[in-house]
Amino acid sequence: MSTGLSWKMKNRPGSWRKHLPAPSPSLIQAYSPGRDRPIFPFNDLPYDIQESVLRYLPVVDLIRSRAVSATFIIVYEGVVCTEFASLAGVPKPKFSSIANEFQFLYRCRHLTHPVHVTPLLLWAAARDQHVMIKRILQKALGKRISRLVTEFDEDTSFNKDDCTGSFENDMNDVMTMEMLRGANGITPLHVSCRNDHVKSTMELIKAGGDVLARDQKLQTPFYHACALGQGPAINILRTIIKHCHFLRNVVRAHKERESYDPEVEPEKKIRDIDLNMVSSEGKTCLYAAAERGHPGVVRTLLISGGHTSAKENAPTEDLELPILGVLDLEKGTKEGTPLGVACAGGKIKTVTLLLEAGANVNGCDPRGEWQTPLFLASENGKPDIIELLLDRCPPASSSAARHDGDRRTFAPPTDQIHCDLDFASKTGKTPLFIACEKGKAQCAKLLGKRRRFLFFNFILFFYFIDNYISFLTLFTCFL
């Protein structure tokens, strides 16, 4: 290889200008006493031979050789690109810094400890590098965990806290999927699910990834696909539902086969998917999807929860989904039910799906402020939602008399298919009251036209006498 460099290469900025000790006197321009030429003319070798030699250098020596000259920067790039392509099957991407590239290369060469394997899988799962995931798992799973090498810590920082798997310091353990957990208990399956990477998810599931593994927030990959997905992650959702249905059938067939063999010990209880499981925040998958306005995810959950009304105008992929259990439409948080949080956010498509599935239009959580979906839509100024609720669930009764007495006892509306315009929250405010208080004139006008006892709330005028905007808002109800 010619050592002549262009002006651009000679004046190229970078750490290679700094003089660092060579990794090996037999490779780099090292001189012996009394000799005026290199021991071995490494620079004169063909490029492919130089690359092959440097590929066997430790990462620490490879970094030092890169800093010797511009020629070795070119050879180094060839080494890294070749190793990345052999592992991932795609060209090497551009890293944010050279230090991250060094660290990535080091981890690729040490796939015998979860501290190195876990960050690589998380990185690959976030970018849908399914080939890389498959090859890493083939090299790592089932192998004994080696001693955690720390010789590279001086050059690139490794944070052992990034890997929270339960491997401790026992070198006799065999690496399993349960050990591959990142910060906050996140698994590579969590990352691939919330990014809607089907191929990466399938590779992780085939390797034994648990779709019901919970992180520190008690969120599963199934929950991530419903709430945090990009797109949202409907494809991942369908894949997990079919996978869980398949496992359920396998377990059922296994138990039936064991029932004929009295010598077989009873099998331990196997976890099954629960559509109504909650996170540490008390949110179900349906609540999280409704809160973020994912109508496709809501439809998929309704179909797998046994609500046949969601199959109308549904995609063909959803029509073939199995039923995994009963989906609770009322299970929510103190802020309200899934229908209530969808009304508060103005998610019209989600609200329509929930109403068609039979959600309680007056549902509210007794642990919270007793705010119905109509109240939440009025408070947040969503006239389209109010009009939709009043059209599909026209008012038929009034609960005004029930709220004249003791306010300490919670008595939810008994009618679940008709809007209750006079049901007050824990603070004693009705939907019309809160619409006037917030200055939502259009919402107050819609509620005023549908009220059967409009004069009942006219006493609220004295509450608004010092608020000019609220007075005008209430006055529009009579126009």
Protein backbone atom coordinates (compact mmCIF):
# COMPACT_ATOMS: atom_id res chain seq x y z
CA MET A 1 0.00 0.00 0.00
CA SER A 2 1.40 3.33 -0.98
CA THR A 3 2.31 5.66 1.87
CA GLY A 4 1.85 8.82 -0.20
CA LEU A 5 -1.08 10.88 1.13
CA SER A 6 -3.00 13.75 -0.39
CA TRP A 7 -3.02 17.21 1.17
CA LYS A 8 -6.55 16.63 2.45
CA MET A 9 -5.57 13.42 4.20
CA LYS A 10 -2.36 14.89 5.64
CA ASN A 11 -4.24 17.86 7.10
CA ARG A 12 -7.25 15.83 8.24
CA PRO A 13 -8.21 16.72 11.84
CA GLY A 14 -8.45 13.91 14.34
CA SER A 15 -6.74 12.06 17.15
CA TRP A 16 -4.36 10.31 14.73
CA ARG A 17 -2.10 13.38 14.79
CA LYS A 18 -1.28 12.66 18.41
CA HIS A 19 1.71 10.42 18.92
CA LEU A 20 0.74 7.32 20.93
CA PRO A 21 2.73 4.16 21.63
CA ALA A 22 2.31 1.51 18.97
CA PRO A 23 0.40 -1.67 19.92
CA SER A 24 3.13 -4.05 18.83
CA PRO A 25 6.78 -3.47 17.75
CA SER A 26 6.42 -6.19 15.13
CA LEU A 27 3.58 -4.40 13.35
CA ILE A 28 3.91 -0.65 13.62
CA GLN A 29 6.91 1.59 12.88
CA ALA A 30 8.99 0.45 15.81
CA TYR A 31 12.80 0.71 15.76
CA SER A 32 15.39 -1.34 17.55
CA PRO A 33 18.63 0.14 18.89
CA GLY A 34 21.14 0.52 16.14
CA ARG A 35 18.65 0.05 13.31
CA ASP A 36 17.33 2.85 11.09
CA ARG A 37 14.42 0.99 9.52
CA PRO A 38 11.30 -0.84 10.79
CA ILE A 39 11.60 -4.41 11.99
CA PHE A 40 8.74 -5.34 9.68
CA PRO A 41 7.50 -3.18 6.76
CA PHE A 42 3.80 -3.48 7.70
CA ASN A 43 2.80 -0.44 5.66
CA ASP A 44 4.01 -2.08 2.49
CA LEU A 45 1.59 -4.99 2.81
CA PRO A 46 -1.59 -5.06 0.69
CA TYR A 47 -4.66 -3.48 2.24
CA ASP A 48 -6.59 -6.73 2.72
CA ILE A 49 -3.65 -8.30 4.57
CA GLN A 50 -3.32 -5.25 6.82
CA GLU A 51 -7.03 -5.47 7.62
CA SER A 52 -6.80 -9.19 8.37
CA VAL A 53 -3.88 -8.62 10.75
CA LEU A 54 -5.53 -5.74 12.60
CA ARG A 55 -8.72 -7.76 13.00
CA TYR A 56 -6.93 -10.00 15.48
CA LEU A 57 -5.68 -7.14 17.63
CA PRO A 58 -7.36 -6.44 20.96
CA VAL A 59 -9.61 -3.39 20.91
CA VAL A 60 -7.20 -1.41 23.08
CA ASP A 61 -4.34 -1.96 20.61
CA LEU A 62 -6.68 -1.33 17.70
CA ILE A 63 -7.52 2.09 19.12
CA ARG A 64 -3.85 2.92 19.49
CA SER A 65 -3.06 1.82 15.96
CA ARG A 66 -5.83 4.05 14.67
CA ALA A 67 -4.15 7.00 16.32
CA VAL A 68 -0.77 6.41 14.64
CA SER A 69 -1.46 7.72 11.15
CA ALA A 70 -4.15 8.43 8.59
CA THR A 71 -3.30 5.18 6.83
CA PHE A 72 -4.31 3.16 9.84
CA ILE A 73 -7.57 5.09 10.12
CA ILE A 74 -8.52 3.71 6.71
CA VAL A 75 -7.52 0.19 7.71
CA TYR A 76 -9.37 0.53 11.02
CA GLU A 77 -12.57 1.53 9.20
CA GLY A 78 -12.28 -1.57 7.07
CA VAL A 79 -11.89 -3.75 10.16
CA VAL A 80 -14.91 -2.28 11.93
CA CYS A 81 -17.12 -2.36 8.85
CA THR A 82 -16.22 -5.99 8.18
CA GLU A 83 -16.92 -7.09 11.76
CA PHE A 84 -20.21 -5.23 11.91
CA ALA A 85 -21.38 -6.63 8.57
CA SER A 86 -20.49 -10.16 9.62
CA LEU A 87 -22.59 -9.78 12.78
CA ALA A 88 -25.54 -7.69 11.58
CA GLY A 89 -25.64 -8.48 7.87
CA VAL A 90 -25.94 -4.78 6.98
CA PRO A 91 -23.43 -1.92 6.48
CA LYS A 92 -22.10 -0.22 9.58
CA PRO A 93 -24.10 2.87 10.56
CA LYS A 94 -22.59 6.14 11.67
CA PHE A 95 -22.12 6.30 15.42
CA SER A 96 -22.57 9.49 17.40
CA SER A 97 -18.97 9.39 18.61
CA ILE A 98 -15.84 7.34 18.10
CA ALA A 99 -15.99 6.29 21.77
CA ASN A 100 -19.40 4.68 21.21
CA GLU A 101 -17.98 2.87 18.20
CA PHE A 102 -15.07 1.53 20.27
CA GLN A 103 -17.47 0.38 22.97
CA PHE A 104 -19.76 -1.29 20.45
CA LEU A 105 -16.83 -3.15 18.88
CA TYR A 106 -15.59 -4.27 22.28
CA ARG A 107 -18.98 -5.66 23.24
CA CYS A 108 -19.32 -7.51 19.95
CA ARG A 109 -16.09 -9.37 20.79
CA HIS A 110 -17.22 -10.25 24.35
CA LEU A 111 -20.59 -11.98 24.04
CA THR A 112 -20.00 -14.09 27.13
CA HIS A 113 -21.45 -11.77 29.76
CA PRO A 114 -24.89 -10.11 30.09
CA VAL A 115 -23.26 -6.71 30.67
CA HIS A 116 -22.06 -6.76 27.07
CA VAL A 117 -24.90 -8.71 25.45
CA THR A 118 -27.79 -6.66 26.87
CA PRO A 119 -26.79 -3.23 25.43
CA LEU A 120 -26.22 -4.80 22.02
CA LEU A 121 -29.66 -6.41 22.01
CA LEU A 122 -31.34 -3.20 23.15
CA TRP A 123 -29.53 -1.27 20.42
CA ALA A 124 -30.48 -3.83 17.77
CA ALA A 125 -34.11 -4.06 18.94
CA ALA A 126 -34.55 -0.30 18.67
CA ARG A 127 -33.33 -0.37 15.04
CA ASP A 128 -34.98 -3.63 13.93
CA GLN A 129 -31.63 -5.37 13.35
CA HIS A 130 -33.26 -8.80 13.50
CA VAL A 131 -30.29 -10.58 11.86
CA MET A 132 -27.97 -9.14 14.48
CA ILE A 133 -30.35 -10.20 17.26
CA LYS A 134 -30.50 -13.74 15.92
CA ARG A 135 -26.71 -14.10 15.64
CA ILE A 136 -26.02 -12.59 19.05
CA LEU A 137 -28.52 -14.91 20.73
CA GLN A 138 -27.04 -17.91 18.93
CA LYS A 139 -23.58 -17.04 20.24
CA ALA A 140 -24.60 -16.02 23.76
CA LEU A 141 -27.53 -18.14 24.99
CA GLY A 142 -26.66 -21.43 26.60
CA LYS A 143 -23.01 -20.47 27.12
CA ARG A 144 -21.37 -20.20 30.51
CA ILE A 145 -20.94 -16.67 31.80
CA SER A 146 -17.30 -15.69 31.82
CA ARG A 147 -15.49 -13.29 34.09
CA LEU A 148 -16.39 -9.67 33.48
CA VAL A 149 -13.33 -8.20 31.78
CA THR A 150 -12.52 -4.67 32.91
CA GLU A 151 -9.33 -3.94 30.98
CA PHE A 152 -11.21 -1.67 28.58
CA ASP A 153 -12.86 0.41 31.30
CA GLU A 154 -10.02 2.92 31.23
CA ASP A 155 -10.65 3.76 27.57
CA THR A 156 -14.46 3.49 27.43
CA SER A 157 -16.79 3.61 30.40
CA PHE A 158 -18.99 0.59 31.07
CA ASN A 159 -21.92 1.01 33.43
CA LYS A 160 -22.71 -2.33 35.03
CA ASP A 161 -25.98 -0.88 36.33
CA ASP A 162 -27.26 -0.84 32.73
CA CYS A 163 -27.69 -4.61 33.02
CA THR A 164 -30.07 -5.63 35.83
CA GLY A 165 -30.31 -9.35 35.10
CA SER A 166 -30.16 -11.79 37.99
CA PHE A 167 -26.80 -13.34 37.14
CA GLU A 168 -24.89 -12.02 40.19
CA ASN A 169 -21.24 -13.19 40.12
CA ASP A 170 -21.68 -16.93 39.65
CA MET A 171 -19.46 -17.93 36.74
CA ASN A 172 -21.10 -21.35 36.64
CA ASP A 173 -24.40 -19.88 35.44
CA VAL A 174 -25.57 -20.31 31.89
CA MET A 175 -26.77 -17.20 30.10
CA THR A 176 -30.56 -17.08 29.65
CA MET A 177 -33.07 -14.53 28.39
CA GLU A 178 -34.10 -13.65 31.96
CA MET A 179 -30.62 -12.21 32.56
CA LEU A 180 -30.79 -9.80 29.63
CA ARG A 181 -32.43 -6.79 31.22
CA GLY A 182 -31.42 -3.18 30.87
CA ALA A 183 -32.05 -0.15 33.04
CA ASN A 184 -35.39 -0.15 34.93
CA GLY A 185 -35.88 -3.80 34.04
CA ILE A 186 -36.41 -3.14 30.33
CA THR A 187 -35.92 -6.20 28.11
CA PRO A 188 -35.09 -6.16 24.38
CA LEU A 189 -38.64 -7.41 23.81
CA HIS A 190 -40.01 -4.23 25.43
CA VAL A 191 -37.99 -2.12 22.98
CA SER A 192 -38.93 -4.05 19.86
CA CYS A 193 -42.63 -4.09 20.80
CA ARG A 194 -42.99 -0.37 21.36
CA ASN A 195 -41.21 0.34 18.07
CA ASP A 196 -43.42 -2.06 16.07
CA HIS A 197 -40.52 -4.21 14.86
CA VAL A 198 -42.19 -7.50 14.00
CA LYS A 199 -39.13 -9.42 12.80
CA SER A 200 -37.06 -8.50 15.86
CA THR A 201 -39.96 -9.41 18.13
CA MET A 202 -40.32 -12.81 16.49
CA GLU A 203 -36.61 -13.56 16.91
CA LEU A 204 -36.76 -12.65 20.59
CA ILE A 205 -39.89 -14.74 21.16
CA LYS A 206 -38.32 -17.73 19.39
CA ALA A 207 -35.30 -17.43 21.69
CA GLY A 208 -37.53 -17.60 24.77
CA GLY A 209 -38.41 -13.95 25.35
CA ASP A 210 -41.25 -13.52 27.84
CA VAL A 211 -44.11 -11.34 26.52
CA LEU A 212 -45.37 -11.02 30.10
CA ALA A 213 -42.05 -9.86 31.61
CA ARG A 214 -42.61 -6.77 33.73
CA ASP A 215 -40.25 -3.85 34.17
CA GLN A 216 -39.98 -1.70 37.28
CA LYS A 217 -43.22 0.08 36.31
CA LEU A 218 -44.97 -3.32 36.03
CA GLN A 219 -45.36 -2.78 32.29
CA THR A 220 -45.12 -5.78 29.96
CA PRO A 221 -44.09 -5.83 26.28
CA PHE A 222 -47.81 -6.25 25.52
CA TYR A 223 -48.50 -3.01 27.43
CA HIS A 224 -45.70 -1.22 25.57
CA ALA A 225 -47.19 -2.26 22.25
CA CYS A 226 -50.59 -0.86 23.29
CA ALA A 227 -49.46 2.40 24.85
CA LEU A 228 -46.00 3.36 23.66
CA GLY A 229 -46.03 1.95 20.16
CA GLN A 230 -45.13 3.91 17.07
CA GLY A 231 -47.72 3.58 14.41
CA PRO A 232 -49.13 2.32 16.79
CA ALA A 233 -47.73 -1.19 17.07
CA ILE A 234 -50.80 -3.09 15.86
CA ASN A 235 -48.71 -5.75 14.11
CA ILE A 236 -46.87 -6.53 17.34
CA LEU A 237 -50.17 -6.65 19.20
CA ARG A 238 -51.60 -9.22 16.80
CA THR A 239 -48.40 -11.28 16.95
CA ILE A 240 -48.42 -11.44 20.76
CA ILE A 241 -52.13 -12.32 20.90
CA LYS A 242 -51.65 -15.21 18.46
CA HIS A 243 -48.52 -16.34 20.30
CA CYS A 244 -50.29 -16.40 23.68
CA HIS A 245 -53.24 -18.26 22.17
CA PHE A 246 -50.84 -20.84 20.73
CA LEU A 247 -49.10 -21.31 24.10
CA ARG A 248 -52.47 -21.69 25.82
CA ASN A 249 -53.47 -24.46 23.41
CA VAL A 250 -50.12 -26.20 23.90
CA VAL A 251 -50.47 -26.13 27.70
CA ARG A 252 -54.05 -27.36 27.49
CA ALA A 253 -53.05 -30.26 25.25
CA HIS A 254 -50.11 -31.08 27.54
CA LYS A 255 -52.37 -31.21 30.59
CA GLU A 256 -54.86 -33.45 28.80
CA ARG A 257 -52.06 -35.82 27.84
CA GLU A 258 -50.75 -35.92 31.41
CA SER A 259 -54.18 -36.74 32.79
CA TYR A 260 -53.81 -40.23 31.28
CA ASP A 261 -50.38 -40.78 32.84
CA PRO A 262 -50.52 -40.97 36.66
CA GLU A 263 -46.73 -41.15 36.98
CA VAL A 264 -46.20 -37.64 35.60
CA GLU A 265 -45.88 -34.99 38.29
CA PRO A 266 -48.38 -32.11 38.11
CA GLU A 267 -47.03 -29.22 36.11
CA LYS A 268 -46.32 -25.93 37.77
CA LYS A 269 -48.72 -23.11 37.14
CA ILE A 270 -47.90 -21.36 33.87
CA ARG A 271 -48.59 -17.67 33.53
CA ASP A 272 -51.24 -16.69 31.03
CA ILE A 273 -51.92 -13.31 29.50
CA ASP A 274 -54.42 -11.09 31.28
CA LEU A 275 -55.98 -8.35 29.19
CA ASN A 276 -56.91 -6.44 32.38
CA MET A 277 -53.43 -6.40 33.99
CA VAL A 278 -52.42 -3.01 35.35
CA SER A 279 -49.15 -1.12 35.57
CA SER A 280 -47.79 0.59 38.67
CA GLU A 281 -49.89 3.61 37.70
CA GLY A 282 -53.07 1.53 37.73
CA LYS A 283 -53.52 1.72 33.95
CA THR A 284 -54.70 -1.22 31.88
CA CYS A 285 -53.71 -1.76 28.25
CA LEU A 286 -57.12 -0.51 27.13
CA TYR A 287 -56.84 2.59 29.30
CA ALA A 288 -53.37 3.41 27.98
CA ALA A 289 -54.46 2.95 24.35
CA ALA A 290 -57.58 5.08 24.87
CA GLU A 291 -55.59 7.79 26.63
CA ARG A 292 -53.21 8.12 23.67
CA GLY A 293 -55.94 7.78 21.06
CA HIS A 294 -54.97 4.53 19.30
CA PRO A 295 -58.26 3.34 17.74
CA GLY A 296 -56.57 0.43 15.97
CA VAL A 297 -55.17 -0.91 19.24
CA VAL A 298 -58.51 -0.37 20.99
CA ARG A 299 -60.30 -2.32 18.26
CA THR A 300 -57.80 -5.18 18.49
CA LEU A 301 -58.17 -5.35 22.28
CA LEU A 302 -61.96 -5.31 22.04
CA ILE A 303 -61.98 -8.19 19.53
CA SER A 304 -59.55 -10.29 21.59
CA GLY A 305 -61.68 -9.45 24.66
CA GLY A 306 -64.83 -10.93 23.16
CA HIS A 307 -66.63 -7.77 22.00
CA THR A 308 -68.00 -8.76 18.60
CA SER A 309 -69.29 -5.27 17.83
CA ALA A 310 -65.70 -4.17 17.15
CA LYS A 311 -65.47 -6.55 14.20
CA GLU A 312 -67.64 -4.26 12.08
CA ASN A 313 -65.47 -2.57 9.42
CA ALA A 314 -62.40 -4.15 11.02
CA PRO A 315 -59.34 -5.20 8.97
CA THR A 316 -59.08 -8.82 7.88
CA GLU A 317 -56.15 -9.39 10.24
CA ASP A 318 -58.31 -8.47 13.25
CA LEU A 319 -61.18 -10.71 12.21
CA GLU A 320 -58.92 -13.75 12.56
CA LEU A 321 -57.76 -12.93 16.09
CA PRO A 322 -58.61 -15.42 18.87
CA ILE A 323 -60.44 -14.49 22.07
CA LEU A 324 -58.09 -14.47 25.06
CA GLY A 325 -60.53 -13.50 27.80
CA VAL A 326 -63.02 -10.93 29.00
CA LEU A 327 -61.96 -7.30 28.61
CA ASP A 328 -63.15 -4.98 31.39
CA LEU A 329 -64.32 -1.69 29.86
CA GLU A 330 -64.73 0.05 33.24
CA LYS A 331 -61.37 -0.66 34.85
CA GLY A 332 -59.48 2.62 35.05
CA THR A 333 -57.73 5.01 37.40
CA LYS A 334 -58.81 7.81 39.69
CA GLU A 335 -58.99 10.06 36.64
CA GLY A 336 -61.79 7.96 35.14
CA THR A 337 -62.56 5.01 32.92
CA PRO A 338 -61.08 4.33 29.45
CA LEU A 339 -64.14 6.03 27.93
CA GLY A 340 -63.69 9.00 30.24
CA VAL A 341 -60.01 9.54 29.44
CA ALA A 342 -60.76 9.23 25.71
CA CYS A 343 -63.49 11.89 26.05
CA ALA A 344 -61.14 14.18 27.95
CA GLY A 345 -58.59 13.93 25.13
CA GLY A 346 -61.12 14.39 22.33
CA LYS A 347 -60.42 10.98 20.74
CA ILE A 348 -63.58 10.65 18.64
CA LYS A 349 -62.76 7.32 16.93
CA THR A 350 -61.81 5.71 20.23
CA VAL A 351 -64.95 7.01 21.94
CA THR A 352 -67.09 5.65 19.11
CA LEU A 353 -65.53 2.18 19.39
CA LEU A 354 -66.00 2.07 23.16
CA LEU A 355 -69.63 3.19 22.95
CA GLU A 356 -70.38 0.56 20.32
CA ALA A 357 -68.79 -2.07 22.56
CA GLY A 358 -71.17 -1.15 25.40
CA ALA A 359 -69.03 1.02 27.66
CA ASN A 360 -70.86 2.71 30.52
CA VAL A 361 -71.55 6.27 29.39
CA ASN A 362 -71.86 7.40 33.02
CA GLY A 363 -68.93 5.38 34.32
CA CYS A 364 -66.70 6.97 36.97
CA ASP A 365 -64.28 5.65 39.54
CA PRO A 366 -65.43 6.00 43.19
CA ARG A 367 -61.75 6.47 44.21
CA GLY A 368 -61.55 9.68 42.20
CA GLU A 369 -63.66 12.81 41.82
CA TRP A 370 -66.76 11.03 40.43
CA GLN A 371 -66.32 12.64 37.03
CA THR A 372 -68.34 11.09 34.22
CA PRO A 373 -67.17 11.06 30.56
CA LEU A 374 -69.62 13.91 29.85
CA PHE A 375 -68.13 15.92 32.71
CA LEU A 376 -64.57 15.36 31.48
CA ALA A 377 -65.50 16.38 27.92
CA SER A 378 -67.15 19.55 29.25
CA GLU A 379 -64.20 20.41 31.49
CA ASN A 380 -61.69 20.06 28.66
CA GLY A 381 -63.80 21.85 26.08
CA LYS A 382 -64.59 19.02 23.62
CA PRO A 383 -67.90 19.98 21.93
CA ASP A 384 -67.55 17.23 19.30
CA ILE A 385 -67.36 14.60 22.03
CA ILE A 386 -70.33 16.11 23.88
CA GLU A 387 -72.42 16.08 20.73
CA LEU A 388 -71.42 12.46 20.04
CA LEU A 389 -72.34 11.36 23.57
CA LEU A 390 -75.68 13.16 23.51
CA ASP A 391 -76.58 11.76 20.08
CA ARG A 392 -75.68 8.15 20.82
CA CYS A 393 -76.79 8.19 24.46
CA PRO A 394 -79.62 10.77 24.72
CA PRO A 395 -80.51 11.90 28.25
CA ALA A 396 -83.47 10.03 29.73
CA SER A 397 -83.34 10.68 33.47
CA SER A 398 -82.06 13.19 35.97
CA SER A 399 -80.16 12.63 39.17
CA ALA A 400 -80.45 16.21 40.43
CA ALA A 401 -82.56 15.25 43.43
CA ARG A 402 -80.06 12.62 44.48
CA HIS A 403 -77.35 15.26 44.90
CA ASP A 404 -79.35 17.67 47.06
CA GLY A 405 -78.60 15.67 50.19
CA ASP A 406 -75.53 14.13 51.68
CA ARG A 407 -72.58 14.47 49.24
CA ARG A 408 -70.35 12.08 51.17
CA THR A 409 -72.00 8.94 49.82
CA PHE A 410 -71.14 7.90 46.29
CA ALA A 411 -74.15 6.71 44.29
CA PRO A 412 -73.23 6.09 40.64
CA PRO A 413 -75.90 6.53 37.97
CA THR A 414 -77.89 3.37 37.46
CA ASP A 415 -78.51 4.08 33.79
CA GLN A 416 -75.49 3.04 31.71
CA ILE A 417 -76.82 3.78 28.23
CA HIS A 418 -78.22 7.31 28.67
CA CYS A 419 -76.24 10.41 29.61
CA ASP A 420 -76.99 11.80 33.05
CA LEU A 421 -76.76 15.58 32.68
CA ASP A 422 -77.34 16.31 36.38
CA PHE A 423 -74.87 13.88 37.93
CA ALA A 424 -72.45 16.04 39.93
CA SER A 425 -68.85 15.32 40.78
CA LYS A 426 -67.50 15.06 44.31
CA THR A 427 -67.21 18.85 44.39
CA GLY A 428 -70.92 19.20 43.52
CA LYS A 429 -70.37 20.47 39.97
CA THR A 430 -72.44 19.27 37.04
CA PRO A 431 -71.19 19.15 33.41
CA LEU A 432 -72.95 22.46 32.68
CA PHE A 433 -71.48 24.00 35.81
CA ILE A 434 -67.90 23.07 34.90
CA ALA A 435 -68.39 24.20 31.28
CA CYS A 436 -69.49 27.63 32.49
CA GLU A 437 -66.73 27.82 35.07
CA LYS A 438 -64.07 27.03 32.45
CA GLY A 439 -65.58 29.43 29.95
CA LYS A 440 -66.46 26.72 27.37
CA ALA A 441 -69.36 28.52 25.70
CA GLN A 442 -69.94 25.99 22.91
CA CYS A 443 -70.01 23.09 25.36
CA ALA A 444 -72.38 24.91 27.69
CA LYS A 445 -74.71 25.72 24.79
CA LEU A 446 -74.89 22.06 23.74
CA LEU A 447 -75.63 20.97 27.30
CA GLY A 448 -78.18 23.74 27.83
CA LYS A 449 -80.23 22.75 24.81
CA ARG A 450 -80.51 19.15 26.02
CA ARG A 451 -81.31 19.84 29.64
CA ARG A 452 -84.75 18.93 30.92
CA PHE A 453 -84.24 20.96 34.09
CA LEU A 454 -82.29 23.93 32.86
CA PHE A 455 -83.74 26.26 35.46
CA PHE A 456 -82.42 23.96 38.18
CA ASN A 457 -78.90 25.23 37.56
CA PHE A 458 -79.81 28.87 37.08
CA ILE A 459 -78.93 29.42 40.72
CA LEU A 460 -75.36 29.05 39.55
CA PHE A 461 -75.71 32.60 38.22
CA PHE A 462 -74.90 33.95 41.68
CA TYR A 463 -71.67 31.97 41.59
CA PHE A 464 -70.65 33.64 38.33
CA ILE A 465 -71.73 37.18 39.24
CA ASP A 466 -68.09 38.21 39.65
CA ASN A 467 -66.97 36.50 36.43
CA TYR A 468 -68.05 38.33 33.29
CA ILE A 469 -66.97 35.62 30.86
CA SER A 470 -68.70 32.86 32.83
CA PHE A 471 -71.87 34.96 33.02
CA LEU A 472 -71.95 35.31 29.23
CA THR A 473 -71.27 31.59 28.87
CA LEU A 474 -74.24 30.68 31.08
CA PHE A 475 -76.46 33.25 29.37
CA THR A 476 -75.89 31.55 25.98
CA CYS A 477 -77.69 28.48 27.24
CA PHE A 478 -80.97 30.37 27.14
CA LEU A 479 -80.51 31.72 23.60
